Amino acid sequence: MEYLNKWASLTGEHARLEANLFDSYIVYMDAMERVVKEFADGRIEIIEEADNE
């Protein structure tokens, strides 16, 4: 499981680097279970609240 967590972390870091390179954004679910866009300039936009039903 440790390997999987490390791999996921590195994948996220790589996505952020590519977003900066192409002046784009990444999409992920944050700790509060919201789907968010994180832009290259650090700005975060909430796309939607996740439904926990």
Protein backbone atom coordinates (compact mmCIF):
# COMPACT_ATOMS: atom_id res chain seq x y z
CA MET A 1 0.00 0.00 0.00
CA GLU A 2 2.91 2.35 0.73
CA TYR A 3 4.09 1.98 -2.88
CA LEU A 4 0.63 2.83 -4.22
CA ASN A 5 0.41 5.99 -2.09
CA LYS A 6 3.87 7.11 -3.26
CA TRP A 7 2.99 6.41 -6.91
CA ALA A 8 -0.26 8.41 -6.61
CA SER A 9 1.61 11.30 -5.00
CA LEU A 10 4.22 11.38 -7.76
CA THR A 11 1.49 11.26 -10.41
CA GLY A 12 -0.18 14.31 -8.85
CA GLU A 13 3.10 16.20 -8.72
CA HIS A 14 3.75 15.39 -12.38
CA ALA A 15 0.25 16.62 -13.32
CA ARG A 16 0.91 19.93 -11.51
CA LEU A 17 4.19 20.37 -13.39
CA GLU A 18 2.45 19.76 -16.72
CA ALA A 19 -0.34 22.19 -15.79
CA ASN A 20 2.30 24.85 -15.11
CA LEU A 21 4.10 24.07 -18.37
CA PHE A 22 0.94 24.34 -20.48
CA ASP A 23 -0.77 27.07 -18.40
CA SER A 24 -3.64 24.70 -17.69
CA TYR A 25 -5.23 23.07 -14.62
CA ILE A 26 -5.70 19.74 -12.89
CA VAL A 27 -8.94 18.28 -11.53
CA TYR A 28 -9.15 16.19 -8.38
CA MET A 29 -11.23 15.48 -5.29
CA ASP A 30 -10.02 17.39 -2.22
CA ALA A 31 -10.04 16.31 1.43
CA MET A 32 -13.59 17.67 1.86
CA GLU A 33 -14.74 15.44 -1.05
CA ARG A 34 -15.33 18.31 -3.46
CA VAL A 35 -14.31 18.12 -7.11
CA VAL A 36 -11.96 21.06 -7.73
CA LYS A 37 -9.86 22.61 -10.49
CA GLU A 38 -6.40 23.77 -9.45
CA PHE A 39 -4.92 26.27 -11.91
CA ALA A 40 -1.24 26.81 -12.65
CA ASP A 41 -1.31 30.12 -10.72
CA GLY A 42 -2.48 28.31 -7.54
CA ARG A 43 -6.11 29.39 -7.80
CA ILE A 44 -8.63 26.67 -6.83
CA GLU A 45 -12.18 26.57 -8.18
CA ILE A 46 -14.82 24.25 -6.71
CA ILE A 47 -16.66 22.40 -9.47
CA GLU A 48 -19.20 20.51 -7.38
CA GLU A 49 -19.92 19.09 -3.97
CA ALA A 50 -19.73 15.30 -3.88
CA ASP A 51 -22.96 13.54 -2.96
CA ASN A 52 -22.37 11.12 -0.06
CA GLU A 53 -25.70 9.30 -0.29
